[in-house]
């Protein structure tokens, strides 16, 4: 597991962790879920749109591409 340098709320992990038996990747949590992105989701991100994720029916999480990646995809050259 590695957390990102710019946002400690994000982690890159090899597999999901069971929140009942593990405190990885962020410490004790009470529930978890896996959301699978489709090609349509990826394409929407590439087009500059955001994805709104309903997290446990209680929270909304918005996903977006890093500005440097988005600029590169729009023909602005690599910015990172």
N, C-alpha and C. Protein backbone atom coordinates (compact mmCIF):
# COMPACT_ATOMS: atom_id res chain seq x y z
N UNK A 1 0.83 -1.17 0.00
CA UNK A 1 0.00 0.00 0.00
C UNK A 1 0.88 1.24 0.00
N UNK A 2 0.46 2.24 -0.73
CA UNK A 2 1.14 3.53 -0.67
C UNK A 2 0.11 4.63 -0.69
N UNK A 3 0.29 5.63 0.17
CA UNK A 3 -0.59 6.79 0.12
C UNK A 3 0.00 7.77 -0.87
N UNK A 4 -0.86 8.60 -1.40
CA UNK A 4 -0.36 9.57 -2.37
C UNK A 4 0.31 10.72 -1.64
N UNK A 5 1.27 11.34 -2.28
CA UNK A 5 2.01 12.45 -1.67
C UNK A 5 1.14 13.68 -1.51
N UNK A 6 0.17 13.87 -2.37
CA UNK A 6 -0.63 15.09 -2.35
C UNK A 6 -1.92 14.95 -1.54
N UNK A 7 -2.40 13.76 -1.31
CA UNK A 7 -3.67 13.60 -0.62
C UNK A 7 -3.66 12.34 0.24
N UNK A 8 -3.56 12.48 1.55
CA UNK A 8 -3.50 11.30 2.42
C UNK A 8 -4.82 10.53 2.48
N UNK A 9 -5.88 11.06 1.87
CA UNK A 9 -7.16 10.33 1.82
C UNK A 9 -7.18 9.29 0.72
N UNK A 10 -6.16 9.27 -0.12
CA UNK A 10 -6.08 8.31 -1.22
C UNK A 10 -4.95 7.33 -0.98
N UNK A 11 -5.19 6.08 -1.32
CA UNK A 11 -4.14 5.07 -1.21
C UNK A 11 -4.24 4.14 -2.41
N UNK A 12 -3.10 3.70 -2.89
CA UNK A 12 -3.05 2.69 -3.94
C UNK A 12 -2.79 1.37 -3.24
N UNK A 13 -3.69 0.42 -3.41
CA UNK A 13 -3.59 -0.87 -2.73
C UNK A 13 -3.65 -2.00 -3.75
N UNK A 14 -3.11 -3.14 -3.38
CA UNK A 14 -3.12 -4.31 -4.26
C UNK A 14 -4.45 -5.06 -4.20
N UNK A 15 -5.14 -4.98 -3.06
CA UNK A 15 -6.40 -5.70 -2.88
C UNK A 15 -7.21 -5.00 -1.80
N UNK A 16 -8.49 -5.34 -1.72
CA UNK A 16 -9.32 -4.77 -0.67
C UNK A 16 -8.91 -5.35 0.68
N UNK A 17 -9.21 -4.60 1.74
CA UNK A 17 -8.95 -5.05 3.10
C UNK A 17 -10.27 -5.21 3.82
N UNK A 18 -10.40 -6.22 4.63
CA UNK A 18 -11.61 -6.44 5.41
C UNK A 18 -11.59 -5.51 6.62
N UNK A 19 -12.52 -4.58 6.68
CA UNK A 19 -12.50 -3.59 7.76
C UNK A 19 -12.80 -4.21 9.12
N UNK A 20 -13.33 -5.42 9.16
CA UNK A 20 -13.57 -6.10 10.44
C UNK A 20 -12.30 -6.69 11.02
N UNK A 21 -11.31 -6.97 10.17
CA UNK A 21 -10.09 -7.63 10.65
C UNK A 21 -8.82 -6.83 10.42
N UNK A 22 -8.93 -5.69 9.74
CA UNK A 22 -7.74 -4.92 9.41
C UNK A 22 -8.00 -3.42 9.58
N UNK A 23 -6.97 -2.69 9.90
CA UNK A 23 -7.08 -1.23 9.97
C UNK A 23 -6.41 -0.59 8.76
N UNK A 24 -6.11 -1.37 7.74
CA UNK A 24 -5.50 -0.85 6.52
C UNK A 24 -6.59 -0.41 5.57
N UNK A 25 -6.45 0.57 4.77
CA UNK A 25 -5.26 1.39 4.64
C UNK A 25 -5.29 2.68 5.46
N UNK A 26 -6.41 3.00 6.15
CA UNK A 26 -6.54 4.31 6.78
C UNK A 26 -6.81 4.28 8.27
N UNK A 27 -6.69 3.16 8.92
CA UNK A 27 -7.10 3.05 10.32
C UNK A 27 -8.47 2.41 10.39
N UNK A 28 -9.04 2.33 11.59
CA UNK A 28 -10.31 1.64 11.77
C UNK A 28 -11.42 2.30 10.97
N UNK A 29 -12.13 1.49 10.21
CA UNK A 29 -13.31 1.91 9.46
C UNK A 29 -14.43 0.94 9.76
N UNK A 30 -15.66 1.37 9.53
CA UNK A 30 -16.82 0.56 9.93
C UNK A 30 -17.46 -0.19 8.78
N UNK A 31 -17.20 0.18 7.57
CA UNK A 31 -17.72 -0.58 6.43
C UNK A 31 -16.89 -0.24 5.21
N UNK A 32 -17.08 -1.02 4.17
CA UNK A 32 -16.33 -0.84 2.93
C UNK A 32 -17.20 -1.25 1.76
N UNK A 33 -16.84 -0.81 0.59
CA UNK A 33 -17.48 -1.29 -0.63
C UNK A 33 -16.51 -1.09 -1.78
N UNK A 34 -16.72 -1.87 -2.82
CA UNK A 34 -15.89 -1.77 -4.01
C UNK A 34 -16.75 -1.23 -5.15
N UNK A 35 -16.22 -0.26 -5.87
CA UNK A 35 -16.90 0.31 -7.02
C UNK A 35 -16.01 0.07 -8.23
N UNK A 36 -16.57 -0.53 -9.25
CA UNK A 36 -15.82 -0.84 -10.46
C UNK A 36 -16.13 0.20 -11.53
N UNK A 37 -15.08 0.82 -12.06
CA UNK A 37 -15.26 1.80 -13.13
C UNK A 37 -15.33 1.10 -14.48
N UNK A 38 -16.26 1.53 -15.30
CA UNK A 38 -16.40 0.99 -16.64
C UNK A 38 -15.63 1.86 -17.62
N UNK A 39 -15.56 1.42 -18.85
CA UNK A 39 -14.94 2.23 -19.90
C UNK A 39 -15.66 3.56 -20.04
N UNK A 40 -16.98 3.56 -19.89
CA UNK A 40 -17.75 4.81 -19.98
C UNK A 40 -17.36 5.77 -18.86
N UNK A 41 -17.12 5.25 -17.67
CA UNK A 41 -16.67 6.10 -16.56
C UNK A 41 -15.31 6.71 -16.86
N UNK A 42 -14.40 5.88 -17.33
CA UNK A 42 -13.05 6.36 -17.65
C UNK A 42 -13.12 7.42 -18.75
N UNK A 43 -13.94 7.17 -19.75
CA UNK A 43 -14.07 8.14 -20.85
C UNK A 43 -14.67 9.46 -20.35
N UNK A 44 -15.64 9.39 -19.45
CA UNK A 44 -16.21 10.61 -18.89
C UNK A 44 -15.14 11.41 -18.14
N UNK A 45 -14.30 10.73 -17.37
CA UNK A 45 -13.19 11.41 -16.69
C UNK A 45 -12.24 12.04 -17.70
N UNK A 46 -11.96 11.31 -18.76
CA UNK A 46 -11.05 11.82 -19.79
C UNK A 46 -11.62 13.05 -20.49
N UNK A 47 -12.94 13.16 -20.52
CA UNK A 47 -13.60 14.31 -21.15
C UNK A 47 -13.78 15.47 -20.17
N UNK A 48 -13.21 15.36 -18.97
CA UNK A 48 -13.28 16.45 -18.01
C UNK A 48 -14.47 16.42 -17.07
N UNK A 49 -15.26 15.35 -17.16
CA UNK A 49 -16.40 15.24 -16.26
C UNK A 49 -15.96 14.64 -14.93
N UNK A 50 -16.80 14.78 -13.93
CA UNK A 50 -16.56 14.18 -12.62
C UNK A 50 -17.47 12.97 -12.47
N UNK A 51 -17.06 12.03 -11.66
CA UNK A 51 -17.92 10.92 -11.29
C UNK A 51 -18.40 11.16 -9.87
N UNK A 52 -19.69 11.08 -9.65
CA UNK A 52 -20.27 11.18 -8.31
C UNK A 52 -20.53 9.76 -7.82
N UNK A 53 -20.00 9.44 -6.67
CA UNK A 53 -20.12 8.10 -6.10
C UNK A 53 -20.96 8.18 -4.84
N UNK A 54 -22.00 7.36 -4.76
CA UNK A 54 -22.82 7.26 -3.56
C UNK A 54 -22.11 6.29 -2.62
N UNK A 55 -21.55 6.80 -1.54
CA UNK A 55 -20.81 5.98 -0.60
C UNK A 55 -21.70 5.60 0.57
N UNK A 56 -22.08 4.33 0.60
CA UNK A 56 -22.87 3.76 1.68
C UNK A 56 -24.22 4.45 1.89
N UNK A 57 -24.76 5.07 0.84
CA UNK A 57 -26.05 5.72 0.95
C UNK A 57 -26.05 6.92 1.88
N UNK A 58 -24.86 7.41 2.25
CA UNK A 58 -24.77 8.49 3.22
C UNK A 58 -23.87 9.64 2.77
N UNK A 59 -22.86 9.33 1.97
CA UNK A 59 -21.90 10.34 1.55
C UNK A 59 -21.80 10.37 0.04
N UNK A 60 -21.35 11.49 -0.50
CA UNK A 60 -21.05 11.58 -1.92
C UNK A 60 -19.56 11.84 -2.06
N UNK A 61 -18.91 11.07 -2.92
CA UNK A 61 -17.50 11.24 -3.22
C UNK A 61 -17.41 11.58 -4.70
N UNK A 62 -16.68 12.65 -5.04
CA UNK A 62 -16.51 13.04 -6.44
C UNK A 62 -15.10 12.66 -6.88
N UNK A 63 -15.01 11.99 -8.01
CA UNK A 63 -13.73 11.59 -8.58
C UNK A 63 -13.46 12.43 -9.82
N UNK A 64 -12.20 12.87 -9.97
CA UNK A 64 -11.81 13.61 -11.16
C UNK A 64 -10.37 13.28 -11.48
N UNK A 65 -9.98 13.55 -12.72
CA UNK A 65 -8.60 13.34 -13.13
C UNK A 65 -7.74 14.49 -12.64
N UNK A 66 -6.48 14.20 -12.37
CA UNK A 66 -5.50 15.22 -12.05
C UNK A 66 -5.44 16.22 -13.21
N UNK A 67 -5.31 17.49 -12.90
CA UNK A 67 -5.33 18.54 -13.94
C UNK A 67 -4.25 18.33 -14.99
N UNK A 68 -3.07 17.85 -14.61
CA UNK A 68 -1.99 17.63 -15.58
C UNK A 68 -2.38 16.53 -16.56
N UNK A 69 -3.01 15.48 -16.08
CA UNK A 69 -3.44 14.39 -16.97
C UNK A 69 -4.56 14.89 -17.88
N UNK A 70 -5.51 15.60 -17.29
CA UNK A 70 -6.63 16.11 -18.08
C UNK A 70 -6.13 17.04 -19.18
N UNK A 71 -5.17 17.92 -18.89
CA UNK A 71 -4.61 18.82 -19.89
C UNK A 71 -3.93 18.06 -20.99
N UNK A 72 -3.22 17.01 -20.64
CA UNK A 72 -2.54 16.18 -21.64
C UNK A 72 -3.57 15.51 -22.55
N UNK A 73 -4.64 15.00 -21.99
CA UNK A 73 -5.67 14.34 -22.79
C UNK A 73 -6.39 15.31 -23.72
N UNK A 74 -6.43 16.57 -23.34
CA UNK A 74 -7.10 17.57 -24.17
C UNK A 74 -6.15 18.23 -25.14
N UNK A 75 -4.93 17.70 -25.24
CA UNK A 75 -3.98 18.23 -26.21
C UNK A 75 -3.11 19.35 -25.68
N UNK A 76 -3.12 19.54 -24.37
CA UNK A 76 -2.34 20.62 -23.80
C UNK A 76 -0.91 20.23 -23.48
N UNK A 77 -0.51 19.03 -23.83
CA UNK A 77 0.84 18.57 -23.51
C UNK A 77 0.91 18.05 -22.10
N UNK A 78 1.96 17.38 -21.79
CA UNK A 78 2.13 16.80 -20.46
C UNK A 78 2.47 17.89 -19.46
N UNK A 79 1.71 17.98 -18.41
CA UNK A 79 1.93 19.04 -17.43
C UNK A 79 2.52 18.56 -16.13
N UNK A 80 2.91 17.30 -16.03
CA UNK A 80 3.35 16.81 -14.73
C UNK A 80 4.72 16.33 -14.69
